[in-house]
Protein backbone atom coordinates (compact mmCIF):
# COMPACT_ATOMS: atom_id res chain seq x y z
CA UNK A 1 36.85 156.68 -7.15
CA UNK A 2 34.43 156.00 -9.76
CA UNK A 3 33.19 158.77 -11.99
CA UNK A 4 29.81 158.93 -13.61
CA UNK A 5 27.73 161.56 -15.10
CA UNK A 6 24.59 160.95 -12.90
CA UNK A 7 24.28 159.11 -9.63
CA UNK A 8 20.52 158.35 -8.74
CA UNK A 9 20.07 157.64 -4.72
CA UNK A 10 17.17 155.31 -4.49
CA UNK A 11 15.49 153.03 -6.83
CA UNK A 12 11.48 154.33 -6.27
CA UNK A 13 9.32 154.93 -8.89
CA UNK A 14 11.01 158.25 -9.89
CA UNK A 15 14.46 157.25 -9.72
CA UNK A 16 14.36 153.93 -11.58
CA UNK A 17 12.98 155.13 -14.67
CA UNK A 18 15.17 158.33 -14.90
CA UNK A 19 18.30 156.19 -14.19
CA UNK A 20 17.20 153.87 -17.02
CA UNK A 21 16.29 156.69 -19.49
CA UNK A 22 19.21 158.56 -18.95
CA UNK A 23 21.41 155.50 -19.46
CA UNK A 24 19.62 154.83 -22.76
CA UNK A 25 20.67 158.31 -24.05
CA UNK A 26 24.13 157.32 -23.42
CA UNK A 27 24.75 158.77 -19.93
CA UNK A 28 27.20 156.82 -17.65
CA UNK A 29 24.65 156.19 -14.72
CA UNK A 30 24.91 154.63 -11.45
CA UNK A 31 21.69 153.68 -9.31
CA UNK A 32 22.56 153.27 -5.72
CA UNK A 33 19.88 151.18 -3.64
CA UNK A 34 20.22 150.12 0.12
CA UNK A 35 17.32 147.85 0.51
CA UNK A 36 14.79 146.75 -2.42
CA UNK A 37 14.34 147.75 -6.12
CA UNK A 38 11.24 149.41 -6.68
CA UNK A 39 11.03 151.60 -3.73
CA UNK A 40 8.21 152.04 -1.23
CA UNK A 41 5.54 151.83 -3.66
CA UNK A 42 6.42 148.06 -4.81
CA UNK A 43 8.22 146.81 -1.57
CA UNK A 44 5.96 147.79 1.25
CA UNK A 45 3.42 150.48 -0.27
CA UNK A 46 1.00 150.54 -3.04
CA UNK A 47 1.64 147.03 -4.27
CA UNK A 48 1.32 144.94 -1.09
CA UNK A 49 -1.45 146.78 0.51
CA UNK A 50 -3.49 146.86 -2.50
CA UNK A 51 -2.82 143.00 -3.05
CA UNK A 52 -4.11 142.31 0.41
CA UNK A 53 -7.18 144.88 0.21
CA UNK A 54 -8.31 142.52 -2.79
CA UNK A 55 -8.28 139.66 -0.63
CA UNK A 56 -10.28 141.54 2.22
CA UNK A 57 -12.61 142.50 -0.37
CA UNK A 58 -13.25 138.75 -1.39
CA UNK A 59 -13.58 138.01 2.28
CA UNK A 60 -16.51 140.99 2.70
CA UNK A 61 -18.20 139.85 -0.49
CA UNK A 62 -18.47 136.27 0.64
CA UNK A 63 -19.72 137.24 3.90
CA UNK A 64 -22.47 139.68 2.26
CA UNK A 65 -23.44 136.96 -0.32
CA UNK A 66 -26.87 136.30 0.87
CA UNK A 67 -27.95 139.70 -0.46
CA UNK A 68 -27.13 138.66 -4.05
CA UNK A 69 -29.20 135.49 -3.42
CA UNK A 70 -25.73 133.43 -3.09
CA UNK A 71 -25.81 131.08 -0.06
CA UNK A 72 -22.48 130.25 1.62
CA UNK A 73 -22.51 127.96 4.30
CA UNK A 74 -18.92 128.68 6.04
CA UNK A 75 -15.72 130.23 4.78
CA UNK A 76 -12.47 130.76 6.59
CA UNK A 77 -9.60 133.35 6.01
CA UNK A 78 -6.36 131.69 5.71
CA UNK A 79 -3.91 134.86 6.27
CA UNK A 80 -0.57 132.60 5.52
CA UNK A 81 -1.97 132.37 2.07
CA UNK A 82 -3.10 136.09 1.72
CA UNK A 83 0.57 136.80 2.72
CA UNK A 84 1.89 134.63 0.25
CA UNK A 85 -0.02 135.85 -2.54
CA UNK A 86 0.98 139.36 -1.69
CA UNK A 87 4.78 138.15 -1.37
CA UNK A 88 4.66 136.71 -5.00
CA UNK A 89 3.11 139.71 -6.62
CA UNK A 90 5.75 141.95 -4.97
CA UNK A 91 8.73 139.67 -5.74
CA UNK A 92 7.38 139.97 -9.49
CA UNK A 93 7.42 143.52 -9.40
CA UNK A 94 10.63 143.70 -7.73
CA UNK A 95 12.56 141.25 -10.19
CA UNK A 96 10.88 142.98 -12.73
CA UNK A 97 12.62 146.24 -11.91
CA UNK A 98 15.93 144.68 -11.32
CA UNK A 99 16.01 142.94 -14.59
CA UNK A 100 15.24 146.11 -16.38
CA UNK A 101 18.01 148.02 -14.65
CA UNK A 102 20.38 144.96 -14.98
CA UNK A 103 19.83 144.88 -18.82
CA UNK A 104 20.06 148.54 -19.56
CA UNK A 105 23.61 149.28 -21.02
CA UNK A 106 25.48 152.12 -19.36
CA UNK A 107 23.57 151.50 -16.04
CA UNK A 108 25.34 150.34 -12.78
CA UNK A 109 22.95 149.19 -10.04
CA UNK A 110 24.55 149.05 -7.05
CA UNK A 111 23.42 147.76 -3.81
CA UNK A 112 24.39 149.82 -0.79
CA UNK A 113 23.88 152.90 1.41
CA UNK A 114 25.09 156.31 0.21
CA UNK A 115 26.40 159.32 1.97
CA UNK A 116 27.78 162.59 0.88
CA UNK A 117 31.30 163.38 1.22
CA UNK A 118 30.97 166.65 -0.72
CA UNK A 119 28.43 168.13 -3.23
CA UNK A 120 29.71 165.67 -6.10
CA UNK A 121 31.12 162.81 -4.09
CA UNK A 122 29.23 159.92 -2.23
CA UNK A 123 30.49 157.20 0.09
CA UNK A 124 28.79 153.98 -0.24
CA UNK A 125 28.79 151.34 2.47
CA UNK A 126 28.12 148.05 -0.03
CA UNK A 127 25.59 145.72 1.04
CA UNK A 128 27.95 142.93 0.78
CA UNK A 129 30.65 144.54 2.71
CA UNK A 130 33.26 147.47 1.80
CA UNK A 131 33.12 150.59 0.34
CA UNK A 132 32.83 152.70 -2.87
CA UNK A 133 33.49 156.12 -3.73
CA UNK A 134 31.44 157.80 -6.32
CA UNK A 135 31.60 161.09 -7.97
CA UNK A 136 29.10 162.86 -10.38
CA UNK A 137 28.14 166.28 -11.39
CA UNK A 138 24.55 165.44 -11.22
CA UNK A 139 23.14 163.83 -8.31
CA UNK A 140 19.48 162.85 -7.97
CA UNK A 141 18.00 161.78 -4.26
CA UNK A 142 15.03 159.70 -4.38
CA UNK A 143 14.76 157.99 -0.84
CA UNK A 144 11.56 158.30 0.20
CA UNK A 145 10.04 158.17 3.78
CA UNK A 146 9.20 156.03 6.57
CA UNK A 147 6.37 156.16 9.28
CA UNK A 148 6.87 158.74 11.52
CA UNK A 149 6.65 157.67 15.46
CA UNK A 150 4.54 160.34 17.43
CA UNK A 151 5.92 161.32 20.89
CA UNK A 152 3.53 159.41 22.95
CA UNK A 153 4.62 158.13 26.57
CA UNK A 154 5.46 154.48 26.47
CA UNK A 155 5.00 153.90 22.71
CA UNK A 156 8.59 153.18 22.10
CA UNK A 157 8.52 150.20 24.67
CA UNK A 158 5.65 148.31 22.95
CA UNK A 159 5.66 146.13 19.94
CA UNK A 160 4.21 148.86 17.95
CA UNK A 161 3.40 147.90 14.09
CA UNK A 162 3.76 150.29 11.39
CA UNK A 163 2.29 150.01 7.81
CA UNK A 164 5.64 148.29 6.68
CA UNK A 165 5.63 145.53 9.61
CA UNK A 166 1.78 144.95 9.77
CA UNK A 167 2.16 143.48 6.19
CA UNK A 168 4.39 140.81 7.60
CA UNK A 169 2.24 139.86 10.96
CA UNK A 170 1.36 136.21 10.42
CA UNK A 171 -1.86 136.54 13.00
CA UNK A 172 -5.00 138.71 12.88
CA UNK A 173 -4.65 140.93 15.43
CA UNK A 174 -7.76 140.53 18.10
CA UNK A 175 -8.12 144.12 18.99
CA UNK A 176 -6.29 146.58 16.43
CA UNK A 177 -5.81 150.21 17.45
CA UNK A 178 -4.70 152.48 14.83
CA UNK A 179 -3.15 155.84 15.56
CA UNK A 180 -4.11 158.07 12.72
CA UNK A 181 -7.15 158.39 10.74
CA UNK A 182 -5.76 159.32 7.20
CA UNK A 183 -5.70 157.53 4.19
CA UNK A 184 -3.34 154.92 5.01
CA UNK A 185 -5.02 154.19 8.64
CA UNK A 186 -8.31 153.91 6.92
CA UNK A 187 -7.15 151.40 4.36
CA UNK A 188 -5.65 149.24 6.93
CA UNK A 189 -8.57 149.46 9.09
CA UNK A 190 -11.17 148.32 6.83
CA UNK A 191 -8.73 145.45 5.63
CA UNK A 192 -8.07 144.34 8.95
CA UNK A 193 -11.83 144.47 10.10
CA UNK A 194 -12.83 142.44 6.95
CA UNK A 195 -10.05 139.78 8.14
CA UNK A 196 -11.40 139.56 11.33
CA UNK A 197 -10.34 142.26 13.80
CA UNK A 198 -11.69 144.73 16.13
CA UNK A 199 -10.86 148.09 15.09
CA UNK A 200 -10.65 151.27 16.55
CA UNK A 201 -9.48 154.30 14.67
CA UNK A 202 -7.87 157.23 16.74
CA UNK A 203 -7.58 160.63 14.90
CA UNK A 204 -6.70 163.87 16.39
CA UNK A 205 -8.45 166.05 13.95
CA UNK A 206 -11.98 167.29 15.00
CA UNK A 207 -13.43 165.48 12.16
CA UNK A 208 -12.35 162.62 9.80
CA UNK A 209 -10.51 163.47 6.50
CA UNK A 210 -10.47 167.31 7.09
CA UNK A 211 -8.66 168.01 3.73
CA UNK A 212 -12.19 166.45 2.07
CA UNK A 213 -15.42 168.13 1.89
CA UNK A 214 -17.53 167.31 5.04
CA UNK A 215 -20.10 165.55 2.80
CA UNK A 216 -17.39 163.49 1.40
CA UNK A 217 -15.87 162.49 4.74
CA UNK A 218 -19.27 161.91 6.03
CA UNK A 219 -19.80 159.14 3.39
CA UNK A 220 -16.54 157.39 3.99
CA UNK A 221 -17.39 157.54 7.86
CA UNK A 222 -20.60 155.90 7.44
CA UNK A 223 -19.59 152.92 5.49
CA UNK A 224 -16.52 152.24 7.68
CA UNK A 225 -18.88 152.37 10.85
CA UNK A 226 -21.30 150.42 8.96
CA UNK A 227 -18.52 147.66 8.94
CA UNK A 228 -18.29 147.77 12.69
CA UNK A 229 -15.12 150.01 12.75
CA UNK A 230 -14.86 152.53 15.65
CA UNK A 231 -13.67 155.97 14.90
CA UNK A 232 -12.83 158.62 17.55
CA UNK A 233 -12.19 161.85 16.26
CA UNK A 234 -10.64 164.78 18.47
CA UNK A 235 -8.58 162.58 20.45
CA UNK A 236 -4.92 163.05 21.42
CA UNK A 237 -3.08 159.97 22.69
CA UNK A 238 -1.13 160.77 25.29
CA UNK A 239 0.25 157.20 26.82
CA UNK A 240 0.42 153.46 26.03
CA UNK A 241 0.91 150.77 28.70
CA UNK A 242 1.34 147.20 28.04
CA UNK A 243 -0.67 144.90 30.35
CA UNK A 244 -0.39 141.39 29.89
CA UNK A 245 -0.82 140.50 26.13
CA UNK A 246 -2.86 143.64 25.89
CA UNK A 247 -2.08 147.48 25.38
CA UNK A 248 -3.94 150.30 27.27
CA UNK A 249 -4.03 153.37 25.32
CA UNK A 250 -4.90 156.68 27.19
CA UNK A 251 -6.52 159.38 25.10
CA UNK A 252 -7.83 162.91 26.02
CA UNK A 253 -10.81 164.22 24.31
CA UNK A 254 -11.74 167.57 25.24
CA UNK A 255 -11.30 167.70 28.82
CA UNK A 256 -12.20 163.94 29.12
CA UNK A 257 -9.69 160.97 29.49
CA UNK A 258 -10.55 157.46 28.36
CA UNK A 259 -8.70 154.41 28.11
CA UNK A 260 -9.26 152.18 25.34
CA UNK A 261 -7.69 148.44 25.31
CA UNK A 262 -6.30 146.53 22.28
CA UNK A 263 -4.10 143.53 21.33
CA UNK A 264 -1.85 145.50 18.60
CA UNK A 265 -1.13 149.29 17.86
CA UNK A 266 -0.70 150.34 14.30
CA UNK A 267 1.20 153.75 13.96
CA UNK A 268 -0.16 155.62 11.26
CA UNK A 269 0.46 159.10 12.10
CA UNK A 270 2.16 160.54 9.26
CA UNK A 271 5.60 159.85 7.75
CA UNK A 272 9.23 161.08 8.13
CA UNK A 273 11.91 161.51 5.58
CA UNK A 274 14.88 159.19 4.89
CA UNK A 275 17.29 161.98 4.87
CA UNK A 276 19.18 161.47 8.18
CA UNK A 277 21.83 159.21 7.03
CA UNK A 278 22.61 161.27 3.82
CA UNK A 279 24.97 163.62 5.51
CA UNK A 280 23.28 166.27 3.47
CA UNK A 281 25.00 169.22 5.06
CA UNK A 282 28.37 168.20 3.22
CA UNK A 283 26.69 168.52 0.25
CA UNK A 284 25.22 171.91 0.84
CA UNK A 285 21.51 170.45 0.46
CA UNK A 286 19.20 172.51 2.70
CA UNK A 287 16.19 170.79 4.53
CA UNK A 288 13.07 172.00 5.91
CA UNK A 289 12.30 171.64 9.99
CA UNK A 290 10.93 168.36 9.44
CA UNK A 291 13.93 167.12 7.61
CA UNK A 292 12.51 167.09 4.11
CA UNK A 293 14.86 168.76 1.37
CA UNK A 294 13.96 171.88 0.15
CA UNK A 295 13.75 171.95 -3.56
CA UNK A 296 12.23 174.46 -6.40
CA UNK A 297 9.60 174.10 -8.88
CA UNK A 298 12.24 172.24 -11.07
CA UNK A 299 13.18 169.88 -8.55
CA UNK A 300 16.54 171.66 -7.96
CA UNK A 301 17.72 171.84 -4.53
CA UNK A 302 19.98 174.38 -2.98
CA UNK A 303 23.17 172.47 -3.95
CA UNK A 304 23.82 173.21 -7.86
CA UNK A 305 23.56 169.79 -9.37
CA UNK A 306 21.63 168.02 -7.08
CA UNK A 307 17.92 167.35 -7.27
CA UNK A 308 15.19 165.77 -5.43
CA UNK A 309 12.57 163.34 -6.22
CA UNK A 310 9.38 162.09 -4.83
CA UNK A 311 8.26 162.06 -1.49
CA UNK A 312 11.72 163.17 0.04
CA UNK A 313 10.97 166.62 -0.94
CA UNK A 314 7.74 166.85 0.72
CA UNK A 315 4.42 167.62 -0.96
CA UNK A 316 2.01 165.09 -2.19
CA UNK A 317 3.24 161.77 -1.29
CA UNK A 318 2.08 159.67 -4.32
CA UNK A 319 3.98 157.24 -6.60
CA UNK A 320 2.54 158.99 -9.56
CA UNK A 321 3.97 162.17 -8.49
CA UNK A 322 7.36 160.79 -8.15
CA UNK A 323 6.95 159.21 -11.67
CA UNK A 324 5.98 162.89 -13.04
CA UNK A 325 9.09 164.38 -11.37
CA UNK A 326 11.18 162.16 -13.39
CA UNK A 327 9.38 163.10 -16.67
CA UNK A 328 9.97 166.74 -15.57
CA UNK A 329 13.72 166.18 -14.83
CA UNK A 330 14.39 164.21 -17.89
CA UNK A 331 12.68 166.60 -20.14
CA UNK A 332 14.43 169.46 -18.87
CA UNK A 333 17.71 168.01 -18.52
CA UNK A 334 17.86 166.11 -21.91
CA UNK A 335 15.42 167.96 -24.11
CA UNK A 336 15.87 171.44 -22.90
CA UNK A 337 12.52 172.18 -21.63
CA UNK A 338 11.67 174.30 -18.82
CA UNK A 339 8.95 172.19 -16.86
CA UNK A 340 7.78 172.92 -13.62
CA UNK A 341 5.93 170.77 -11.01
CA UNK A 342 3.57 174.40 -10.59
CA UNK A 343 0.19 173.97 -10.98
CA UNK A 344 0.33 170.23 -11.85
CA UNK A 345 -2.82 168.24 -11.19
CA UNK A 346 -2.58 165.92 -8.34
CA UNK A 347 -5.03 163.16 -8.53
CA UNK A 348 -5.47 160.61 -5.97
CA UNK A 349 -7.42 157.65 -4.85
CA UNK A 350 -8.27 156.20 -1.42
CA UNK A 351 -8.20 152.34 -1.62
CA UNK A 352 -11.15 151.50 0.76
CA UNK A 353 -13.97 149.81 -0.24
CA UNK A 354 -15.65 151.72 -1.87
CA UNK A 355 -12.70 153.92 -3.09
CA UNK A 356 -12.45 157.77 -2.78
CA UNK A 357 -11.23 159.27 -6.14
CA UNK A 358 -10.43 162.96 -6.24
CA UNK A 359 -8.70 165.59 -8.14
CA UNK A 360 -8.71 169.41 -8.26
CA UNK A 361 -10.25 171.98 -5.61
CA UNK A 362 -12.65 170.83 -3.10
CA UNK A 363 -16.02 172.79 -2.48
CA UNK A 364 -14.53 174.17 1.06
CA UNK A 365 -11.26 175.30 -0.95
CA UNK A 366 -13.40 177.02 -3.73
CA UNK A 367 -15.66 178.97 -1.17
CA UNK A 368 -12.81 180.01 0.95
CA UNK A 369 -11.08 181.61 -2.30
CA UNK A 370 -14.36 183.03 -3.07
CA UNK A 371 -14.66 181.48 -6.55
CA UNK A 372 -18.01 181.66 -8.49
CA UNK A 373 -18.90 178.07 -8.60
CA UNK A 374 -21.72 175.45 -8.89
CA UNK A 375 -21.93 172.12 -7.10
CA UNK A 376 -23.11 168.88 -8.49
CA UNK A 377 -23.88 165.96 -5.99
CA UNK A 378 -25.29 162.58 -7.11
CA UNK A 379 -25.97 159.70 -4.65
CA UNK A 380 -24.89 156.46 -5.51
CA UNK A 381 -28.23 155.21 -4.79
CA UNK A 382 -29.64 157.10 -7.76
CA UNK A 383 -26.86 155.32 -10.11
CA UNK A 384 -27.98 152.49 -11.97
CA UNK A 385 -25.03 150.57 -12.29
CA UNK A 386 -24.76 150.93 -8.42
CA UNK A 387 -27.87 149.43 -7.89
CA UNK A 388 -27.40 146.52 -10.39
CA UNK A 389 -24.18 145.74 -8.84
CA UNK A 390 -25.72 145.93 -5.22
CA UNK A 391 -23.37 148.57 -3.70
CA UNK A 392 -25.22 152.13 -3.47
CA UNK A 393 -22.64 153.41 -0.88
CA UNK A 394 -21.37 156.77 -1.42
CA UNK A 395 -21.69 159.90 -4.00
CA UNK A 396 -20.38 161.50 -7.01
CA UNK A 397 -19.54 165.32 -6.54
CA UNK A 398 -18.40 168.10 -8.91
CA UNK A 399 -17.14 171.46 -8.63
CA UNK A 400 -17.37 173.84 -11.71
CA UNK A 401 -16.61 177.34 -12.76
CA UNK A 402 -20.20 178.93 -13.04
CA UNK A 403 -19.20 181.24 -15.77
CA UNK A 404 -16.95 179.08 -18.10
CA UNK A 405 -18.58 175.52 -17.09
CA UNK A 406 -15.20 174.37 -16.44
CA UNK A 407 -14.60 171.42 -14.09
CA UNK A 408 -12.60 172.62 -11.10
CA UNK A 409 -12.69 169.50 -8.87
CA UNK A 410 -14.05 166.35 -8.55
CA UNK A 411 -14.62 163.72 -5.62
CA UNK A 412 -16.29 160.14 -6.50
CA UNK A 413 -17.14 157.89 -3.32
CA UNK A 414 -18.19 154.79 -4.93
CA UNK A 415 -17.03 151.34 -6.80
CA UNK A 416 -14.49 151.93 -8.93
CA UNK A 417 -14.38 155.63 -7.90
CA UNK A 418 -10.72 156.47 -8.90
CA UNK A 419 -11.50 155.12 -12.44
CA UNK A 420 -14.61 157.43 -12.81
CA UNK A 421 -12.54 160.64 -11.38
CA UNK A 422 -9.98 159.63 -14.17
CA UNK A 423 -12.88 160.24 -16.70
CA UNK A 424 -13.29 163.91 -15.07
CA UNK A 425 -9.62 164.55 -14.94
CA UNK A 426 -9.04 164.19 -18.45
CA UNK A 427 -12.17 166.52 -19.22
CA UNK A 428 -10.50 169.05 -16.91
CA UNK A 429 -7.25 168.63 -19.09
CA UNK A 430 -9.04 169.04 -22.23
CA UNK A 431 -11.52 171.98 -20.79
CA UNK A 432 -14.38 169.85 -21.76
CA UNK A 433 -17.35 171.75 -19.68
CA UNK A 434 -19.98 169.98 -17.45
CA UNK A 435 -22.74 170.50 -20.18
CA UNK A 436 -20.63 168.90 -22.89
CA UNK A 437 -20.50 165.68 -20.52
CA UNK A 438 -24.13 166.14 -19.66
CA UNK A 439 -24.94 165.29 -23.34
CA UNK A 440 -22.20 162.68 -24.00
CA UNK A 441 -22.99 159.44 -24.82
CA UNK A 442 -21.68 156.99 -22.82
CA UNK A 443 -22.03 153.06 -22.87
CA UNK A 444 -25.12 151.91 -20.84
CA UNK A 445 -24.92 151.05 -18.18
CA UNK A 446 -21.37 152.08 -16.80
CA UNK A 447 -20.69 154.11 -13.80
CA UNK A 448 -19.31 156.74 -16.12
CA UNK A 449 -22.82 156.99 -17.77
CA UNK A 450 -24.00 158.55 -14.47
CA UNK A 451 -22.30 161.64 -15.20
CA UNK A 452 -24.95 162.70 -17.33
CA UNK A 453 -27.27 162.48 -14.58
CA UNK A 454 -24.68 164.19 -12.23
CA UNK A 455 -24.53 167.30 -14.51
CA UNK A 456 -28.15 167.52 -14.90
CA UNK A 457 -28.50 168.58 -11.53
CA UNK A 458 -26.71 172.00 -12.74
CA UNK A 459 -28.89 172.24 -15.84
CA UNK A 460 -32.07 172.11 -13.48
CA UNK A 461 -30.68 175.02 -11.35
CA UNK A 462 -30.50 177.26 -14.28
């Protein structure tokens, strides 16, 4: 048995920096990874999808070039080249992660699959064959999630795609049906529409993006439908049946039953945690009914000395949240702090084109809580930069406290929406009021400059 001070299971965006930082502090650390360094984000999530979305945006821009006065006679998407570029970017990030770990003293990077024998002991089935037994007083679980498969008759018997397998498909689907209208489904739907697929998105919710305000969701739906994407809400998928080279998908919408036909089906109906192979009962780690690890505000599980990082504990499934988990754990364990994940800001961006960037509460959440608020909105059609760039899709929205003037929440649908949102996120952290931003000097003609105009709307109401 090999003894360590700490063992990290999974080399995601929280586990990897935690392993390296602990090792740099002199801890004897093992990091166990069953597949690729970098976790979901680098290998099958953020990095590959955003790389391919960039190609899709170029295709869309070229197709629309005439409106900028640029004549393009013909162009062709070369998907193998798109995939090759994506693979190179992923490999570069992955190798960078591996190199960093291999060059860190006191850190042993082990390729294999871990499972618990007891609270302090792991059995690792090595990727190259054989087994090792490892032990540590502190163990950190960062194993992430995978695509969930809904209980739909006939689905398992089809060659369904997930957000992972679609990234390796060497052909553009003729007719792509997407089960799920969440953020991942919308990004993939727009990307493959721009690659040339006919795209239909099926969502069981009565409206698209129910966690967003209705006006924000309506802006997203507007630009998706403008590109020819069919979005069907309130749709319960009941059956999938293969017929020749096509798939017939049976839907129930209210009392009506419909059948739509596609060549490929992408399952984007949520995620499930990778906890099923860890033998967590042997360690005394409790799970919730969906299989996620129960953890408190300091990321401690029910088993003393075992912690959960990132998506595996449920909650906001974002790379930056996993990274922040690492910071909290490190500061508490090494620097003696008492930090918590409670009340931390959770910004995010949906990388459709245009983007949706959001942080803080929505208007609907504020109204439900009976908060005394004011709401400022500004169409992108009134933003000078958007007009000059030639893309006025979207809107800006901010929710502010009517008494203090502090910003409570922001949603930006537009080009560089995530970047503009981040400007207001920093204002929220620094308690900068909407009146201060209204009078702030921004460089002209940035998107950020339109924040002056956005908050002038509130001044006019007073």
